[in-house]
Amino acid sequence: MLGPSLCCIYNALGPAKRLDINEDCTLADLKECKKAVYHFLVAIKEILPADKLFSISDLYNNNTNGIVKVISFSDMVLMAGR
């Protein structure tokens, strides 16, 4: 449920246009989760530089470097919201 969680973080920033959140999304429906991540990445480009973004494959890869990149990026998003 990583995609909807990122959308919740984005919505917590108080954007003019909130992202829809599919609360029924589970890892069993990976396509829906990836779709939510995509919408998050498109929306967050308006707040943070595109060169700081992670890719969808970073999030769903079995490599720990990718998830560290996602966590670092999430921290930047939360700091931008302060």
PDB file of N, CA and C in Angstrom:
ATOM      1  N   MET A   1       0.833  -1.185   0.000  1.00  0.00           N
ATOM      2  CA  MET A   1       0.000   0.000   0.000  1.00  0.00           C
ATOM      3  C   MET A   1       0.877   1.248   0.000  1.00  0.00           C
ATOM      4  N   LEU A   2       1.973   1.201  -0.689  1.00  0.00           N
ATOM      5  CA  LEU A   2       2.914   2.303  -0.686  1.00  0.00           C
ATOM      6  C   LEU A   2       2.406   3.518  -1.457  1.00  0.00           C
ATOM      7  N   GLY A   3       1.742   3.304  -2.562  1.00  0.00           N
ATOM      8  CA  GLY A   3       1.248   4.428  -3.353  1.00  0.00           C
ATOM      9  C   GLY A   3       0.241   5.291  -2.607  1.00  0.00           C
ATOM     10  N   PRO A   4      -0.808   4.688  -2.049  1.00  0.00           N
ATOM     11  CA  PRO A   4      -1.774   5.488  -1.301  1.00  0.00           C
ATOM     12  C   PRO A   4      -1.155   6.206  -0.095  1.00  0.00           C
ATOM     13  N   SER A   5      -0.160   5.603   0.528  1.00  0.00           N
ATOM     14  CA  SER A   5       0.509   6.253   1.666  1.00  0.00           C
ATOM     15  C   SER A   5       1.221   7.525   1.222  1.00  0.00           C
ATOM     16  N   LEU A   6       1.873   7.470   0.069  1.00  0.00           N
ATOM     17  CA  LEU A   6       2.528   8.663  -0.462  1.00  0.00           C
ATOM     18  C   LEU A   6       1.501   9.739  -0.808  1.00  0.00           C
ATOM     19  N   CYS A   7       0.364   9.326  -1.325  1.00  0.00           N
ATOM     20  CA  CYS A   7      -0.696  10.292  -1.641  1.00  0.00           C
ATOM     21  C   CYS A   7      -1.211  10.961  -0.375  1.00  0.00           C
ATOM     22  N   CYS A   8      -1.297  10.218   0.715  1.00  0.00           N
ATOM     23  CA  CYS A   8      -1.707  10.799   2.005  1.00  0.00           C
ATOM     24  C   CYS A   8      -0.701  11.843   2.469  1.00  0.00           C
ATOM     25  N   ILE A   9       0.589  11.540   2.315  1.00  0.00           N
ATOM     26  CA  ILE A   9       1.629  12.496   2.688  1.00  0.00           C
ATOM     27  C   ILE A   9       1.484  13.761   1.857  1.00  0.00           C
ATOM     28  N   TYR A  10       1.268  13.599   0.557  1.00  0.00           N
ATOM     29  CA  TYR A  10       1.108  14.761  -0.317  1.00  0.00           C
ATOM     30  C   TYR A  10      -0.109  15.586   0.110  1.00  0.00           C
ATOM     31  N   ASN A  11      -1.222  14.942   0.360  1.00  0.00           N
ATOM     32  CA  ASN A  11      -2.434  15.656   0.762  1.00  0.00           C
ATOM     33  C   ASN A  11      -2.253  16.385   2.084  1.00  0.00           C
ATOM     34  N   ALA A  12      -1.410  15.851   2.965  1.00  0.00           N
ATOM     35  CA  ALA A  12      -1.150  16.494   4.256  1.00  0.00           C
ATOM     36  C   ALA A  12      -0.416  17.824   4.090  1.00  0.00           C
ATOM     37  N   LEU A  13       0.201  18.031   2.931  1.00  0.00           N
ATOM     38  CA  LEU A  13       0.886  19.295   2.659  1.00  0.00           C
ATOM     39  C   LEU A  13      -0.090  20.430   2.345  1.00  0.00           C
ATOM     40  N   GLY A  14      -1.364  20.096   2.173  1.00  0.00           N
ATOM     41  CA  GLY A  14      -2.381  21.108   1.913  1.00  0.00           C
ATOM     42  C   GLY A  14      -2.346  21.670   0.495  1.00  0.00           C
ATOM     43  N   PRO A  15      -2.198  20.818  -0.515  1.00  0.00           N
ATOM     44  CA  PRO A  15      -2.133  21.326  -1.888  1.00  0.00           C
ATOM     45  C   PRO A  15      -3.492  21.857  -2.349  1.00  0.00           C
ATOM     46  N   ALA A  16      -3.469  22.678  -3.374  1.00  0.00           N
ATOM     47  CA  ALA A  16      -4.717  23.208  -3.934  1.00  0.00           C
ATOM     48  C   ALA A  16      -5.573  22.074  -4.503  1.00  0.00           C
ATOM     49  N   LYS A  17      -4.914  21.109  -5.140  1.00  0.00           N
ATOM     50  CA  LYS A  17      -5.627  19.953  -5.692  1.00  0.00           C
ATOM     51  C   LYS A  17      -5.123  18.700  -4.994  1.00  0.00           C
ATOM     52  N   ARG A  18      -6.012  18.079  -4.226  1.00  0.00           N
ATOM     53  CA  ARG A  18      -5.656  16.871  -3.486  1.00  0.00           C
ATOM     54  C   ARG A  18      -5.672  15.654  -4.406  1.00  0.00           C
ATOM     55  N   LEU A  19      -4.888  14.657  -4.052  1.00  0.00           N
ATOM     56  CA  LEU A  19      -4.857  13.407  -4.804  1.00  0.00           C
ATOM     57  C   LEU A  19      -5.926  12.461  -4.276  1.00  0.00           C
ATOM     58  N   ASP A  20      -6.548  11.722  -5.181  1.00  0.00           N
ATOM     59  CA  ASP A  20      -7.497  10.688  -4.776  1.00  0.00           C
ATOM     60  C   ASP A  20      -6.718   9.538  -4.144  1.00  0.00           C
ATOM     61  N   ILE A  21      -7.303   8.938  -3.136  1.00  0.00           N
ATOM     62  CA  ILE A  21      -6.652   7.832  -2.448  1.00  0.00           C
ATOM     63  C   ILE A  21      -7.552   6.605  -2.520  1.00  0.00           C
ATOM     64  N   ASN A  22      -7.020   5.557  -3.116  1.00  0.00           N
ATOM     65  CA  ASN A  22      -7.735   4.287  -3.200  1.00  0.00           C
ATOM     66  C   ASN A  22      -7.403   3.489  -1.942  1.00  0.00           C
ATOM     67  N   GLU A  23      -8.282   3.529  -0.971  1.00  0.00           N
ATOM     68  CA  GLU A  23      -8.024   2.863   0.305  1.00  0.00           C
ATOM     69  C   GLU A  23      -8.105   1.350   0.199  1.00  0.00           C
ATOM     70  N   ASP A  24      -8.648   0.852  -0.904  1.00  0.00           N
ATOM     71  CA  ASP A  24      -8.747  -0.590  -1.094  1.00  0.00           C
ATOM     72  C   ASP A  24      -7.519  -1.163  -1.789  1.00  0.00           C
ATOM     73  N   CYS A  25      -6.577  -0.315  -2.110  1.00  0.00           N
ATOM     74  CA  CYS A  25      -5.375  -0.731  -2.818  1.00  0.00           C
ATOM     75  C   CYS A  25      -4.497  -1.581  -1.893  1.00  0.00           C
ATOM     76  N   THR A  26      -4.078  -2.720  -2.388  1.00  0.00           N
ATOM     77  CA  THR A  26      -3.170  -3.593  -1.638  1.00  0.00           C
ATOM     78  C   THR A  26      -2.033  -4.024  -2.550  1.00  0.00           C
ATOM     79  N   LEU A  27      -1.015  -4.606  -1.991  1.00  0.00           N
ATOM     80  CA  LEU A  27       0.092  -5.090  -2.809  1.00  0.00           C
ATOM     81  C   LEU A  27      -0.345  -6.214  -3.741  1.00  0.00           C
ATOM     82  N   ALA A  28      -1.505  -6.819  -3.470  1.00  0.00           N
ATOM     83  CA  ALA A  28      -2.039  -7.836  -4.365  1.00  0.00           C
ATOM     84  C   ALA A  28      -2.441  -7.200  -5.704  1.00  0.00           C
ATOM     85  N   ASP A  29      -2.743  -5.906  -5.675  1.00  0.00           N
ATOM     86  CA  ASP A  29      -3.087  -5.176  -6.893  1.00  0.00           C
ATOM     87  C   ASP A  29      -1.971  -4.172  -7.165  1.00  0.00           C
ATOM     88  N   LEU A  30      -0.838  -4.673  -7.567  1.00  0.00           N
ATOM     89  CA  LEU A  30       0.360  -3.869  -7.745  1.00  0.00           C
ATOM     90  C   LEU A  30       0.163  -2.748  -8.765  1.00  0.00           C
ATOM     91  N   LYS A  31      -0.664  -2.999  -9.765  1.00  0.00           N
ATOM     92  CA  LYS A  31      -0.909  -1.978 -10.791  1.00  0.00           C
ATOM     93  C   LYS A  31      -1.534  -0.728 -10.171  1.00  0.00           C
ATOM     94  N   GLU A  32      -2.488  -0.897  -9.284  1.00  0.00           N
ATOM     95  CA  GLU A  32      -3.134   0.249  -8.626  1.00  0.00           C
ATOM     96  C   GLU A  32      -2.166   0.980  -7.710  1.00  0.00           C
ATOM     97  N   CYS A  33      -1.313   0.237  -7.022  1.00  0.00           N
ATOM     98  CA  CYS A  33      -0.307   0.864  -6.147  1.00  0.00           C
ATOM     99  C   CYS A  33       0.665   1.702  -6.963  1.00  0.00           C
ATOM    100  N   LYS A  34       1.133   1.153  -8.074  1.00  0.00           N
ATOM    101  CA  LYS A  34       2.065   1.876  -8.937  1.00  0.00           C
ATOM    102  C   LYS A  34       1.396   3.101  -9.554  1.00  0.00           C
ATOM    103  N   LYS A  35       0.118   2.985  -9.855  1.00  0.00           N
ATOM    104  CA  LYS A  35      -0.644   4.119 -10.401  1.00  0.00           C
ATOM    105  C   LYS A  35      -0.682   5.265  -9.379  1.00  0.00           C
ATOM    106  N   ALA A  36      -0.892   4.936  -8.129  1.00  0.00           N
ATOM    107  CA  ALA A  36      -0.925   5.953  -7.072  1.00  0.00           C
ATOM    108  C   ALA A  36       0.446   6.603  -6.911  1.00  0.00           C
ATOM    109  N   VAL A  37       1.521   5.811  -6.992  1.00  0.00           N
ATOM    110  CA  VAL A  37       2.876   6.363  -6.902  1.00  0.00           C
ATOM    111  C   VAL A  37       3.113   7.330  -8.052  1.00  0.00           C
ATOM    112  N   TYR A  38       2.673   6.949  -9.243  1.00  0.00           N
ATOM    113  CA  TYR A  38       2.826   7.818 -10.412  1.00  0.00           C
ATOM    114  C   TYR A  38       2.131   9.163 -10.187  1.00  0.00           C
ATOM    115  N   HIS A  39       0.906   9.137  -9.698  1.00  0.00           N
ATOM    116  CA  HIS A  39       0.167  10.383  -9.453  1.00  0.00           C
ATOM    117  C   HIS A  39       0.877  11.231  -8.393  1.00  0.00           C
ATOM    118  N   PHE A  40       1.429  10.585  -7.380  1.00  0.00           N
ATOM    119  CA  PHE A  40       2.197  11.296  -6.370  1.00  0.00           C
ATOM    120  C   PHE A  40       3.412  11.980  -7.004  1.00  0.00           C
ATOM    121  N   LEU A  41       4.160  11.242  -7.814  1.00  0.00           N
ATOM    122  CA  LEU A  41       5.373  11.795  -8.428  1.00  0.00           C
ATOM    123  C   LEU A  41       5.060  12.970  -9.345  1.00  0.00           C
ATOM    124  N   VAL A  42       3.983  12.870 -10.104  1.00  0.00           N
ATOM    125  CA  VAL A  42       3.592  13.972 -10.989  1.00  0.00           C
ATOM    126  C   VAL A  42       3.223  15.202 -10.161  1.00  0.00           C
ATOM    127  N   ALA A  43       2.476  15.008  -9.096  1.00  0.00           N
ATOM    128  CA  ALA A  43       2.025  16.129  -8.270  1.00  0.00           C
ATOM    129  C   ALA A  43       3.172  16.765  -7.484  1.00  0.00           C
ATOM    130  N   ILE A  44       4.070  15.954  -6.978  1.00  0.00           N
ATOM    131  CA  ILE A  44       5.130  16.482  -6.107  1.00  0.00           C
ATOM    132  C   ILE A  44       6.169  17.266  -6.897  1.00  0.00           C
ATOM    133  N   LYS A  45       6.220  17.074  -8.204  1.00  0.00           N
ATOM    134  CA  LYS A  45       7.162  17.830  -9.042  1.00  0.00           C
ATOM    135  C   LYS A  45       6.927  19.335  -8.930  1.00  0.00           C
ATOM    136  N   GLU A  46       5.730  19.720  -8.547  1.00  0.00           N
ATOM    137  CA  GLU A  46       5.417  21.139  -8.398  1.00  0.00           C
ATOM    138  C   GLU A  46       6.003  21.709  -7.102  1.00  0.00           C
ATOM    139  N   ILE A  47       6.385  20.848  -6.178  1.00  0.00           N
ATOM    140  CA  ILE A  47       6.894  21.285  -4.883  1.00  0.00           C
ATOM    141  C   ILE A  47       8.404  21.115  -4.788  1.00  0.00           C
ATOM    142  N   LEU A  48       8.902  19.989  -5.260  1.00  0.00           N
ATOM    143  CA  LEU A  48      10.334  19.682  -5.158  1.00  0.00           C
ATOM    144  C   LEU A  48      10.938  19.493  -6.545  1.00  0.00           C
ATOM    145  N   PRO A  49      12.229  19.740  -6.689  1.00  0.00           N
ATOM    146  CA  PRO A  49      12.887  19.597  -7.993  1.00  0.00           C
ATOM    147  C   PRO A  49      12.796  18.167  -8.530  1.00  0.00           C
ATOM    148  N   ALA A  50      12.596  18.057  -9.826  1.00  0.00           N
ATOM    149  CA  ALA A  50      12.449  16.750 -10.464  1.00  0.00           C
ATOM    150  C   ALA A  50      13.704  15.896 -10.319  1.00  0.00           C
ATOM    151  N   ASP A  51      14.866  16.521 -10.210  1.00  0.00           N
ATOM    152  CA  ASP A  51      16.101  15.739 -10.090  1.00  0.00           C
ATOM    153  C   ASP A  51      16.216  15.032  -8.743  1.00  0.00           C
ATOM    154  N   LYS A  52      15.362  15.383  -7.810  1.00  0.00           N
ATOM    155  CA  LYS A  52      15.376  14.745  -6.486  1.00  0.00           C
ATOM    156  C   LYS A  52      14.405  13.567  -6.403  1.00  0.00           C
ATOM    157  N   LEU A  53      13.565  13.397  -7.433  1.00  0.00           N
ATOM    158  CA  LEU A  53      12.540  12.359  -7.406  1.00  0.00           C
ATOM    159  C   LEU A  53      13.131  10.964  -7.485  1.00  0.00           C
ATOM    160  N   PHE A  54      12.413  10.022  -6.948  1.00  0.00           N
ATOM    161  CA  PHE A  54      12.746   8.611  -7.105  1.00  0.00           C
ATOM    162  C   PHE A  54      11.881   8.065  -8.230  1.00  0.00           C
ATOM    163  N   SER A  55      12.180   6.879  -8.683  1.00  0.00           N
ATOM    164  CA  SER A  55      11.368   6.261  -9.731  1.00  0.00           C
ATOM    165  C   SER A  55      10.456   5.205  -9.113  1.00  0.00           C
ATOM    166  N   ILE A  56       9.456   4.833  -9.849  1.00  0.00           N
ATOM    167  CA  ILE A  56       8.540   3.792  -9.371  1.00  0.00           C
ATOM    168  C   ILE A  56       9.314   2.501  -9.137  1.00  0.00           C
ATOM    169  N   SER A  57      10.269   2.205 -10.009  1.00  0.00           N
ATOM    170  CA  SER A  57      11.048   0.974  -9.833  1.00  0.00           C
ATOM    171  C   SER A  57      11.926   1.040  -8.579  1.00  0.00           C
ATOM    172  N   ASP A  58      12.351   2.241  -8.158  1.00  0.00           N
ATOM    173  CA  ASP A  58      13.094   2.365  -6.901  1.00  0.00           C
ATOM    174  C   ASP A  58      12.261   1.843  -5.733  1.00  0.00           C
ATOM    175  N   LEU A  59      10.985   2.113  -5.785  1.00  0.00           N
ATOM    176  CA  LEU A  59      10.090   1.745  -4.691  1.00  0.00           C
ATOM    177  C   LEU A  59       9.773   0.251  -4.669  1.00  0.00           C
ATOM    178  N   TYR A  60       9.650  -0.340  -5.842  1.00  0.00           N
ATOM    179  CA  TYR A  60       9.227  -1.740  -5.920  1.00  0.00           C
ATOM    180  C   TYR A  60      10.369  -2.691  -6.273  1.00  0.00           C
ATOM    181  N   ASN A  61      11.593  -2.216  -6.217  1.00  0.00           N
ATOM    182  CA  ASN A  61      12.757  -3.031  -6.512  1.00  0.00           C
ATOM    183  C   ASN A  61      13.158  -3.791  -5.250  1.00  0.00           C
ATOM    184  N   ASN A  62      13.815  -4.912  -5.407  1.00  0.00           N
ATOM    185  CA  ASN A  62      14.288  -5.684  -4.248  1.00  0.00           C
ATOM    186  C   ASN A  62      15.616  -5.168  -3.718  1.00  0.00           C
ATOM    187  N   ASN A  63      16.064  -4.038  -4.223  1.00  0.00           N
ATOM    188  CA  ASN A  63      17.336  -3.448  -3.837  1.00  0.00           C
ATOM    189  C   ASN A  63      17.098  -2.445  -2.700  1.00  0.00           C
ATOM    190  N   THR A  64      17.833  -2.568  -1.624  1.00  0.00           N
ATOM    191  CA  THR A  64      17.635  -1.659  -0.491  1.00  0.00           C
ATOM    192  C   THR A  64      18.043  -0.225  -0.808  1.00  0.00           C
ATOM    193  N   ASN A  65      18.916  -0.030  -1.782  1.00  0.00           N
ATOM    194  CA  ASN A  65      19.305   1.332  -2.160  1.00  0.00           C
ATOM    195  C   ASN A  65      18.102   2.131  -2.648  1.00  0.00           C
ATOM    196  N   GLY A  66      17.197   1.482  -3.352  1.00  0.00           N
ATOM    197  CA  GLY A  66      16.003   2.153  -3.859  1.00  0.00           C
ATOM    198  C   GLY A  66      15.100   2.635  -2.739  1.00  0.00           C
ATOM    199  N   ILE A  67      14.875   1.791  -1.739  1.00  0.00           N
ATOM    200  CA  ILE A  67      13.989   2.178  -0.643  1.00  0.00           C
ATOM    201  C   ILE A  67      14.627   3.260   0.212  1.00  0.00           C
ATOM    202  N   VAL A  68      15.951   3.258   0.336  1.00  0.00           N
ATOM    203  CA  VAL A  68      16.636   4.332   1.059  1.00  0.00           C
ATOM    204  C   VAL A  68      16.426   5.650   0.326  1.00  0.00           C
ATOM    205  N   LYS A  69      16.486   5.618  -0.993  1.00  0.00           N
ATOM    206  CA  LYS A  69      16.242   6.825  -1.801  1.00  0.00           C
ATOM    207  C   LYS A  69      14.812   7.329  -1.581  1.00  0.00           C
ATOM    208  N   VAL A  70      13.858   6.422  -1.538  1.00  0.00           N
ATOM    209  CA  VAL A  70      12.456   6.790  -1.323  1.00  0.00           C
ATOM    210  C   VAL A  70      12.268   7.400   0.071  1.00  0.00           C
ATOM    211  N   ILE A  71      12.880   6.809   1.077  1.00  0.00           N
ATOM    212  CA  ILE A  71      12.761   7.328   2.441  1.00  0.00           C
ATOM    213  C   ILE A  71      13.388   8.718   2.547  1.00  0.00           C
ATOM    214  N   SER A  72      14.545   8.894   1.932  1.00  0.00           N
ATOM    215  CA  SER A  72      15.201  10.212   1.947  1.00  0.00           C
ATOM    216  C   SER A  72      14.333  11.249   1.261  1.00  0.00           C
ATOM    217  N   PHE A  73      13.733  10.861   0.151  1.00  0.00           N
ATOM    218  CA  PHE A  73      12.858  11.774  -0.571  1.00  0.00           C
ATOM    219  C   PHE A  73      11.629  12.119   0.262  1.00  0.00           C
ATOM    220  N   SER A  74      11.055  11.117   0.909  1.00  0.00           N
ATOM    221  CA  SER A  74       9.883  11.355   1.757  1.00  0.00           C
ATOM    222  C   SER A  74      10.213  12.339   2.870  1.00  0.00           C
ATOM    223  N   ASP A  75      11.408  12.242   3.407  1.00  0.00           N
ATOM    224  CA  ASP A  75      11.853  13.174   4.441  1.00  0.00           C
ATOM    225  C   ASP A  75      11.903  14.597   3.878  1.00  0.00           C
ATOM    226  N   MET A  76      12.406  14.748   2.655  1.00  0.00           N
ATOM    227  CA  MET A  76      12.445  16.076   2.017  1.00  0.00           C
ATOM    228  C   MET A  76      11.036  16.635   1.831  1.00  0.00           C
ATOM    229  N   VAL A  77      10.106  15.775   1.449  1.00  0.00           N
ATOM    230  CA  VAL A  77       8.722  16.199   1.255  1.00  0.00           C
ATOM    231  C   VAL A  77       8.140  16.702   2.572  1.00  0.00           C
ATOM    232  N   LEU A  78       8.371  15.949   3.621  1.00  0.00           N
ATOM    233  CA  LEU A  78       7.841  16.342   4.931  1.00  0.00           C
ATOM    234  C   LEU A  78       8.478  17.651   5.409  1.00  0.00           C
ATOM    235  N   MET A  79       9.750  17.835   5.139  1.00  0.00           N
ATOM    236  CA  MET A  79      10.419  19.084   5.528  1.00  0.00           C
ATOM    237  C   MET A  79       9.894  20.264   4.700  1.00  0.00           C
ATOM    238  N   ALA A  80       9.545  20.021   3.454  1.00  0.00           N
ATOM    239  CA  ALA A  80       9.006  21.081   2.595  1.00  0.00           C
ATOM    240  C   ALA A  80       7.644  21.528   3.098  1.00  0.00           C
ATOM    241  N   GLY A  81       6.933  20.632   3.768  1.00  0.00           N
ATOM    242  CA  GLY A  81       5.612  20.951   4.261  1.00  0.00           C
ATOM    243  C   GLY A  81       5.612  21.748   5.549  1.00  0.00           C
ATOM    244  N   ARG A  82       6.756  21.938   6.147  1.00  0.00           N
ATOM    245  CA  ARG A  82       6.827  22.684   7.415  1.00  0.00           C
ATOM    246  C   ARG A  82       6.785  24.153   7.202  1.00  0.00           C
TER     247      ARG A  82
END
